[in-house]
């Protein structure tokens, strides 16, 4: 499926990541794409959807923080290369 935008959030810890995924899915029409945990427990979440839905998902997490959000972004009209990286194709 091709998404118009990606919503990206970085938090610390898998439990916080699950809470943020839940918040994002409940507040807007996005789909979970990937969760990647790296050194130190930093977890990056990527959700896909339309631009407005991706922005609403990021705003929901930033406005109702249950944990520290280290980074957030909305990437609209992602390139084919980025799609392959995120969606693992």
N, C-alpha and C. Protein backbone atom coordinates (compact mmCIF):
# COMPACT_ATOMS: atom_id res chain seq x y z
N UNK A 1 0.84 -1.18 0.00
CA UNK A 1 0.00 0.00 0.00
C UNK A 1 0.88 1.24 0.00
N UNK A 2 0.51 2.23 -0.76
CA UNK A 2 1.28 3.47 -0.81
C UNK A 2 0.65 4.50 0.12
N UNK A 3 1.48 5.07 0.98
CA UNK A 3 1.02 6.06 1.93
C UNK A 3 1.45 7.45 1.47
N UNK A 4 0.62 8.44 1.72
CA UNK A 4 0.92 9.81 1.34
C UNK A 4 1.93 10.46 2.26
N UNK A 5 2.07 9.89 3.47
CA UNK A 5 3.00 10.46 4.45
C UNK A 5 3.38 9.42 5.48
N UNK A 6 4.51 9.67 6.13
CA UNK A 6 4.95 8.86 7.26
C UNK A 6 4.98 9.74 8.49
N UNK A 7 4.48 9.22 9.61
CA UNK A 7 4.59 9.86 10.91
C UNK A 7 5.69 9.13 11.66
N UNK A 8 6.68 9.86 12.15
CA UNK A 8 7.83 9.25 12.82
C UNK A 8 7.97 9.83 14.22
N UNK A 9 8.11 8.96 15.20
CA UNK A 9 8.29 9.35 16.60
C UNK A 9 9.44 8.54 17.18
N UNK A 10 10.28 9.18 17.99
CA UNK A 10 11.33 8.46 18.70
C UNK A 10 11.15 8.66 20.19
N UNK A 11 11.07 7.53 20.93
CA UNK A 11 10.90 7.54 22.38
C UNK A 11 11.92 6.59 23.00
N UNK A 12 11.96 6.57 24.33
CA UNK A 12 12.88 5.68 25.03
C UNK A 12 12.10 4.51 25.62
N UNK A 13 12.41 3.31 25.16
CA UNK A 13 11.81 2.11 25.73
C UNK A 13 10.67 1.52 24.92
N UNK A 14 10.59 0.21 24.94
CA UNK A 14 9.55 -0.50 24.20
C UNK A 14 8.16 -0.28 24.78
N UNK A 15 8.05 -0.20 26.10
CA UNK A 15 6.75 0.02 26.72
C UNK A 15 6.19 1.39 26.31
N UNK A 16 7.04 2.41 26.33
CA UNK A 16 6.61 3.74 25.89
C UNK A 16 6.23 3.73 24.41
N UNK A 17 6.94 2.95 23.62
CA UNK A 17 6.63 2.84 22.20
C UNK A 17 5.24 2.26 21.99
N UNK A 18 4.89 1.23 22.75
CA UNK A 18 3.57 0.62 22.62
C UNK A 18 2.48 1.61 22.99
N UNK A 19 2.70 2.38 24.05
CA UNK A 19 1.72 3.40 24.45
C UNK A 19 1.54 4.44 23.35
N UNK A 20 2.64 4.87 22.75
CA UNK A 20 2.57 5.86 21.67
C UNK A 20 1.88 5.29 20.43
N UNK A 21 2.17 4.05 20.10
CA UNK A 21 1.50 3.41 18.96
C UNK A 21 -0.01 3.40 19.21
N UNK A 22 -0.40 3.03 20.41
CA UNK A 22 -1.82 2.98 20.76
C UNK A 22 -2.45 4.37 20.61
N UNK A 23 -1.79 5.39 21.13
CA UNK A 23 -2.30 6.76 21.01
C UNK A 23 -2.46 7.17 19.55
N UNK A 24 -1.47 6.89 18.74
CA UNK A 24 -1.50 7.29 17.34
C UNK A 24 -2.61 6.58 16.57
N UNK A 25 -2.77 5.28 16.83
CA UNK A 25 -3.81 4.52 16.13
C UNK A 25 -5.22 4.94 16.53
N UNK A 26 -5.39 5.33 17.79
CA UNK A 26 -6.71 5.72 18.28
C UNK A 26 -7.11 7.12 17.86
N UNK A 27 -6.15 7.99 17.57
CA UNK A 27 -6.48 9.39 17.29
C UNK A 27 -6.55 9.74 15.82
N UNK A 28 -6.03 8.89 14.96
CA UNK A 28 -6.09 9.21 13.53
C UNK A 28 -6.06 7.94 12.69
N UNK A 29 -6.34 8.11 11.42
CA UNK A 29 -6.41 6.98 10.49
C UNK A 29 -5.03 6.70 9.90
N UNK A 30 -4.17 6.12 10.74
CA UNK A 30 -2.83 5.73 10.29
C UNK A 30 -2.67 4.23 10.48
N UNK A 31 -1.64 3.68 9.86
CA UNK A 31 -1.34 2.26 9.98
C UNK A 31 0.08 2.09 10.50
N UNK A 32 0.25 1.13 11.41
CA UNK A 32 1.58 0.84 11.95
C UNK A 32 2.44 0.20 10.88
N UNK A 33 3.65 0.73 10.69
CA UNK A 33 4.56 0.17 9.69
C UNK A 33 5.79 -0.49 10.30
N UNK A 34 6.44 0.20 11.24
CA UNK A 34 7.64 -0.41 11.82
C UNK A 34 7.98 0.17 13.18
N UNK A 35 8.72 -0.63 13.95
CA UNK A 35 9.26 -0.24 15.25
C UNK A 35 10.69 -0.73 15.27
N UNK A 36 11.62 0.17 15.53
CA UNK A 36 13.03 -0.18 15.49
C UNK A 36 13.69 0.33 16.76
N UNK A 37 14.27 -0.59 17.55
CA UNK A 37 14.95 -0.23 18.79
C UNK A 37 16.45 -0.34 18.58
N UNK A 38 17.15 0.70 18.98
CA UNK A 38 18.60 0.75 18.82
C UNK A 38 19.28 0.86 20.18
N UNK A 39 20.56 1.03 20.15
CA UNK A 39 21.41 1.15 21.32
C UNK A 39 20.83 2.17 22.32
N UNK A 40 20.81 1.80 23.57
CA UNK A 40 20.31 2.69 24.61
C UNK A 40 18.81 2.66 24.77
N UNK A 41 18.11 1.83 23.99
CA UNK A 41 16.68 1.69 24.13
C UNK A 41 15.84 2.69 23.37
N UNK A 42 16.47 3.54 22.57
CA UNK A 42 15.70 4.49 21.76
C UNK A 42 14.92 3.71 20.71
N UNK A 43 13.63 3.96 20.65
CA UNK A 43 12.74 3.25 19.74
C UNK A 43 12.12 4.23 18.77
N UNK A 44 12.24 3.93 17.48
CA UNK A 44 11.67 4.75 16.43
C UNK A 44 10.43 4.05 15.89
N UNK A 45 9.33 4.79 15.85
CA UNK A 45 8.06 4.28 15.35
C UNK A 45 7.74 4.95 14.03
N UNK A 46 7.25 4.20 13.08
CA UNK A 46 6.84 4.76 11.79
C UNK A 46 5.41 4.30 11.50
N UNK A 47 4.55 5.28 11.26
CA UNK A 47 3.16 5.03 10.91
C UNK A 47 2.93 5.62 9.53
N UNK A 48 2.01 5.04 8.76
CA UNK A 48 1.72 5.54 7.44
C UNK A 48 0.27 5.96 7.31
N UNK A 49 0.03 6.96 6.46
CA UNK A 49 -1.33 7.42 6.22
C UNK A 49 -1.32 8.66 5.36
N UNK A 50 -2.44 9.33 5.28
CA UNK A 50 -2.50 10.60 4.57
C UNK A 50 -1.78 11.66 5.39
N UNK A 51 -1.42 12.76 4.75
CA UNK A 51 -0.64 13.80 5.42
C UNK A 51 -1.36 14.31 6.67
N UNK A 52 -2.63 14.61 6.56
CA UNK A 52 -3.37 15.15 7.72
C UNK A 52 -3.47 14.13 8.85
N UNK A 53 -3.64 12.87 8.51
CA UNK A 53 -3.72 11.83 9.53
C UNK A 53 -2.36 11.63 10.21
N UNK A 54 -1.28 11.65 9.43
CA UNK A 54 0.07 11.51 10.00
C UNK A 54 0.37 12.67 10.93
N UNK A 55 0.00 13.88 10.53
CA UNK A 55 0.24 15.05 11.38
C UNK A 55 -0.59 14.97 12.66
N UNK A 56 -1.83 14.52 12.55
CA UNK A 56 -2.69 14.36 13.73
C UNK A 56 -2.12 13.32 14.69
N UNK A 57 -1.55 12.25 14.16
CA UNK A 57 -0.96 11.20 15.00
C UNK A 57 0.25 11.73 15.76
N UNK A 58 1.11 12.48 15.08
CA UNK A 58 2.29 13.06 15.74
C UNK A 58 1.85 14.07 16.79
N UNK A 59 0.90 14.92 16.44
CA UNK A 59 0.42 15.93 17.38
C UNK A 59 -0.21 15.30 18.62
N UNK A 60 -0.92 14.19 18.44
CA UNK A 60 -1.55 13.52 19.57
C UNK A 60 -0.51 13.05 20.59
N UNK A 61 0.60 12.53 20.10
CA UNK A 61 1.65 12.06 21.01
C UNK A 61 2.37 13.23 21.65
N UNK A 62 2.65 14.27 20.87
CA UNK A 62 3.36 15.42 21.41
C UNK A 62 2.52 16.21 22.40
N UNK A 63 1.20 16.31 22.16
CA UNK A 63 0.33 17.09 23.02
C UNK A 63 -0.02 16.37 24.32
N UNK A 64 -0.05 15.04 24.30
CA UNK A 64 -0.41 14.24 25.48
C UNK A 64 0.73 13.30 25.82
N UNK A 65 1.89 13.85 26.09
CA UNK A 65 3.08 13.03 26.30
C UNK A 65 2.98 12.21 27.58
N UNK A 66 3.14 10.91 27.42
CA UNK A 66 3.24 10.01 28.57
C UNK A 66 4.70 9.67 28.82
N UNK A 67 5.55 10.08 27.89
CA UNK A 67 6.99 9.86 28.00
C UNK A 67 7.69 10.96 27.19
N UNK A 68 9.00 11.02 27.32
CA UNK A 68 9.76 12.01 26.56
C UNK A 68 9.81 11.61 25.09
N UNK A 69 9.48 12.56 24.23
CA UNK A 69 9.57 12.35 22.79
C UNK A 69 10.86 13.03 22.33
N UNK A 70 11.81 12.24 21.85
CA UNK A 70 13.11 12.77 21.46
C UNK A 70 13.08 13.41 20.08
N UNK A 71 12.24 12.87 19.21
CA UNK A 71 12.17 13.38 17.85
C UNK A 71 10.80 13.03 17.29
N UNK A 72 10.29 13.93 16.45
CA UNK A 72 9.05 13.63 15.74
C UNK A 72 9.10 14.33 14.39
N UNK A 73 8.47 13.73 13.41
CA UNK A 73 8.46 14.32 12.07
C UNK A 73 7.32 13.72 11.27
N UNK A 74 6.89 14.49 10.28
CA UNK A 74 5.96 14.00 9.28
C UNK A 74 6.64 14.19 7.93
N UNK A 75 6.78 13.11 7.21
CA UNK A 75 7.39 13.16 5.88
C UNK A 75 6.29 12.95 4.86
N UNK A 76 5.98 14.02 4.13
CA UNK A 76 4.93 13.91 3.11
C UNK A 76 5.56 13.56 1.77
N UNK A 77 4.79 12.90 0.95
CA UNK A 77 5.23 12.46 -0.38
C UNK A 77 6.60 11.79 -0.34
N UNK A 78 6.72 10.70 0.44
CA UNK A 78 8.03 10.03 0.55
C UNK A 78 8.50 9.48 -0.79
N UNK A 79 9.81 9.52 -0.98
CA UNK A 79 10.40 9.02 -2.23
C UNK A 79 10.30 7.50 -2.28
N UNK A 80 10.49 6.95 -3.47
CA UNK A 80 10.44 5.49 -3.62
C UNK A 80 11.54 4.82 -2.81
N UNK A 81 12.70 5.44 -2.71
CA UNK A 81 13.81 4.88 -1.93
C UNK A 81 13.43 4.80 -0.45
N UNK A 82 12.81 5.87 0.05
CA UNK A 82 12.41 5.87 1.46
C UNK A 82 11.31 4.83 1.69
N UNK A 83 10.40 4.68 0.76
CA UNK A 83 9.34 3.66 0.87
C UNK A 83 9.96 2.28 1.01
N UNK A 84 10.98 1.99 0.21
CA UNK A 84 11.64 0.67 0.29
C UNK A 84 12.30 0.46 1.64
N UNK A 85 12.91 1.50 2.19
CA UNK A 85 13.56 1.39 3.50
C UNK A 85 12.53 1.15 4.59
N UNK A 86 11.50 1.97 4.62
CA UNK A 86 10.51 1.90 5.70
C UNK A 86 9.66 0.64 5.60
N UNK A 87 9.21 0.32 4.42
CA UNK A 87 8.30 -0.80 4.26
C UNK A 87 9.02 -2.12 3.99
N UNK A 88 10.34 -2.09 3.95
CA UNK A 88 11.13 -3.30 3.83
C UNK A 88 10.97 -4.05 2.52
N UNK A 89 10.78 -3.32 1.43
CA UNK A 89 10.60 -3.97 0.13
C UNK A 89 11.78 -3.71 -0.75
